[in-house]
Amino acid sequence: MDVTIPWLGLLAAMVVAFVANSLWFGPKTLFPVWWRALGKSGEPEVAAGSSMAATFGLTLVGLFVQALALVWVLQAALALYAEADATAVFGASVGLAVGAGFAAAASLGHRLFSGQGLQVWAIEVGADILGLTLMGLVLSFWL
């Protein structure tokens, strides 16, 4: 099994997921709904002690980790299913499965026990699922 990391593909996947998440949480899309679902009103504010540079920087670190892990999952899936090809549908399907099976399922309890509810969870994991699905699609071109 080839475990070479396609660095250009990984970077492209990160950019695509970042743009998709930016659109998902845009001021004219789901951000206002999410903000109200959190029980907040008025203009959004940066949490005390944090900065937007740190927020975006750590978001990019998280996307890097997700893309790297997805490369390994895609390579393992291709090795496991010898008859499978790294098509866009295969990549997107694996990304969707990782997003729904891990990101969404893992965070459900956190949102429910924190009292934030299903609406906050659905909006947040919707972005994760979309991002990972698109990452899988993009990475499939480099595998």
Protein backbone atom coordinates (compact mmCIF):
# COMPACT_ATOMS: atom_id res chain seq x y z
CA MET A 1 0.00 0.00 0.00
CA ASP A 2 1.31 3.42 -0.98
CA VAL A 3 1.24 5.75 2.03
CA THR A 4 2.64 8.78 0.27
CA ILE A 5 0.94 11.98 1.37
CA PRO A 6 -0.30 14.02 -1.61
CA TRP A 7 0.63 17.40 -0.10
CA LEU A 8 -0.83 19.48 -2.93
CA GLY A 9 -4.07 17.52 -2.72
CA LEU A 10 -4.12 17.91 1.04
CA LEU A 11 -3.69 21.68 0.69
CA ALA A 12 -6.41 21.85 -1.97
CA ALA A 13 -8.76 19.82 0.23
CA MET A 14 -8.13 22.19 3.15
CA VAL A 15 -8.89 25.24 0.99
CA VAL A 16 -12.09 23.72 -0.40
CA ALA A 17 -13.31 22.75 3.08
CA PHE A 18 -12.40 26.19 4.49
CA VAL A 19 -14.36 27.95 1.74
CA ALA A 20 -17.33 25.60 2.14
CA ASN A 21 -17.37 26.16 5.91
CA SER A 22 -17.08 29.92 5.40
CA LEU A 23 -20.13 29.84 3.15
CA TRP A 24 -22.00 27.52 5.54
CA PHE A 25 -21.42 29.85 8.49
CA GLY A 26 -21.74 33.05 6.48
CA PRO A 27 -23.69 36.06 7.75
CA LYS A 28 -26.41 35.44 5.14
CA THR A 29 -26.57 31.66 5.58
CA LEU A 30 -26.55 29.64 8.82
CA PHE A 31 -24.50 31.84 11.16
CA PRO A 32 -27.47 33.92 12.39
CA VAL A 33 -29.55 30.78 12.97
CA TRP A 34 -26.68 29.10 14.82
CA TRP A 35 -26.02 32.24 16.90
CA ARG A 36 -29.67 32.40 18.02
CA ALA A 37 -29.73 28.64 18.66
CA LEU A 38 -26.84 29.17 21.07
CA GLY A 39 -29.11 31.56 22.96
CA LYS A 40 -27.18 34.66 21.95
CA SER A 41 -28.50 37.90 20.58
CA GLY A 42 -26.98 41.01 19.10
CA GLU A 43 -23.71 41.21 17.26
CA PRO A 44 -21.27 38.32 17.57
CA GLU A 45 -18.21 38.97 19.65
CA VAL A 46 -14.88 37.30 20.06
CA ALA A 47 -14.65 35.42 23.35
CA ALA A 48 -12.57 37.07 26.03
CA GLY A 49 -8.91 36.18 25.78
CA SER A 50 -9.08 34.98 22.17
CA SER A 51 -8.42 36.59 18.82
CA MET A 52 -9.69 36.02 15.32
CA ALA A 53 -6.15 35.23 14.19
CA ALA A 54 -5.94 32.42 16.74
CA THR A 55 -9.44 31.24 15.83
CA PHE A 56 -8.68 31.03 12.11
CA GLY A 57 -5.19 29.64 12.73
CA LEU A 58 -6.50 26.83 14.90
CA THR A 59 -9.30 26.19 12.40
CA LEU A 60 -6.64 25.66 9.72
CA VAL A 61 -4.73 23.31 12.04
CA GLY A 62 -7.94 21.33 12.55
CA LEU A 63 -8.55 21.17 8.80
CA PHE A 64 -4.98 19.97 8.26
CA VAL A 65 -5.46 17.15 10.78
CA GLN A 66 -8.80 16.20 9.21
CA ALA A 67 -7.35 16.17 5.69
CA LEU A 68 -4.30 14.15 6.75
CA ALA A 69 -6.46 11.59 8.56
CA LEU A 70 -8.80 11.40 5.57
CA VAL A 71 -5.84 10.71 3.25
CA TRP A 72 -4.95 7.71 5.41
CA VAL A 73 -8.56 6.51 5.59
CA LEU A 74 -8.94 6.81 1.82
CA GLN A 75 -5.68 4.95 1.21
CA ALA A 76 -6.71 2.22 3.65
CA ALA A 77 -10.14 1.93 2.02
CA LEU A 78 -8.56 1.64 -1.42
CA ALA A 79 -6.21 -1.09 -0.13
CA LEU A 80 -9.08 -2.91 1.57
CA TYR A 81 -11.33 -2.83 -1.47
CA ALA A 82 -8.85 -3.85 -4.15
CA GLU A 83 -11.47 -3.46 -6.89
CA ALA A 84 -12.22 0.15 -5.87
CA ASP A 85 -10.80 3.06 -7.79
CA ALA A 86 -10.09 6.49 -6.37
CA THR A 87 -13.03 8.11 -8.14
CA ALA A 88 -14.67 11.34 -7.04
CA VAL A 89 -17.73 9.37 -5.89
CA PHE A 90 -15.56 7.00 -3.85
CA GLY A 91 -13.65 9.88 -2.23
CA ALA A 92 -16.82 11.85 -1.47
CA SER A 93 -18.53 8.73 -0.08
CA VAL A 94 -15.65 7.98 2.26
CA GLY A 95 -15.54 11.62 3.34
CA LEU A 96 -19.29 11.53 3.98
CA ALA A 97 -18.96 8.34 6.02
CA VAL A 98 -16.13 9.81 8.10
CA GLY A 99 -18.08 13.04 8.61
CA ALA A 100 -21.33 11.37 9.61
CA GLY A 101 -19.83 8.38 11.36
CA PHE A 102 -17.15 10.11 13.38
CA ALA A 103 -17.53 13.90 13.45
CA ALA A 104 -21.31 13.98 13.81
CA ALA A 105 -21.67 10.96 16.07
CA ALA A 106 -18.82 11.98 18.36
CA SER A 107 -20.11 15.49 18.97
CA LEU A 108 -23.77 14.60 19.58
CA GLY A 109 -23.31 13.83 23.25
CA HIS A 110 -21.25 16.97 23.78
CA ARG A 111 -24.00 19.19 22.40
CA LEU A 112 -26.79 17.42 24.26
CA PHE A 113 -25.02 17.32 27.64
CA SER A 114 -24.01 20.97 27.28
CA GLY A 115 -27.68 21.86 26.80
CA GLN A 116 -27.10 23.32 23.34
CA GLY A 117 -29.59 21.01 21.66
CA LEU A 118 -30.03 19.35 18.32
CA GLN A 119 -30.27 22.50 16.23
CA VAL A 120 -26.79 23.69 17.25
CA TRP A 121 -25.48 20.16 16.71
CA ALA A 122 -27.09 19.84 13.26
CA ILE A 123 -25.71 23.18 12.06
CA GLU A 124 -22.21 22.48 13.35
CA VAL A 125 -21.93 18.91 12.10
CA GLY A 126 -23.56 19.83 8.81
CA ALA A 127 -20.50 21.96 8.13
CA ASP A 128 -18.19 19.13 9.23
CA ILE A 129 -19.94 16.59 7.02
CA LEU A 130 -19.91 18.95 4.04
CA GLY A 131 -16.24 19.77 4.58
CA LEU A 132 -15.15 16.14 4.90
CA THR A 133 -17.26 15.07 1.91
CA LEU A 134 -15.65 17.76 -0.24
CA MET A 135 -12.20 16.90 1.13
CA GLY A 136 -12.71 13.28 0.12
CA LEU A 137 -13.83 14.34 -3.34
CA VAL A 138 -10.80 16.61 -3.82
CA LEU A 139 -8.31 14.08 -2.40
CA SER A 140 -9.58 11.37 -4.73
CA PHE A 141 -7.91 13.21 -7.62
CA TRP A 142 -4.49 12.84 -5.96
CA LEU A 143 -4.68 9.21 -4.83
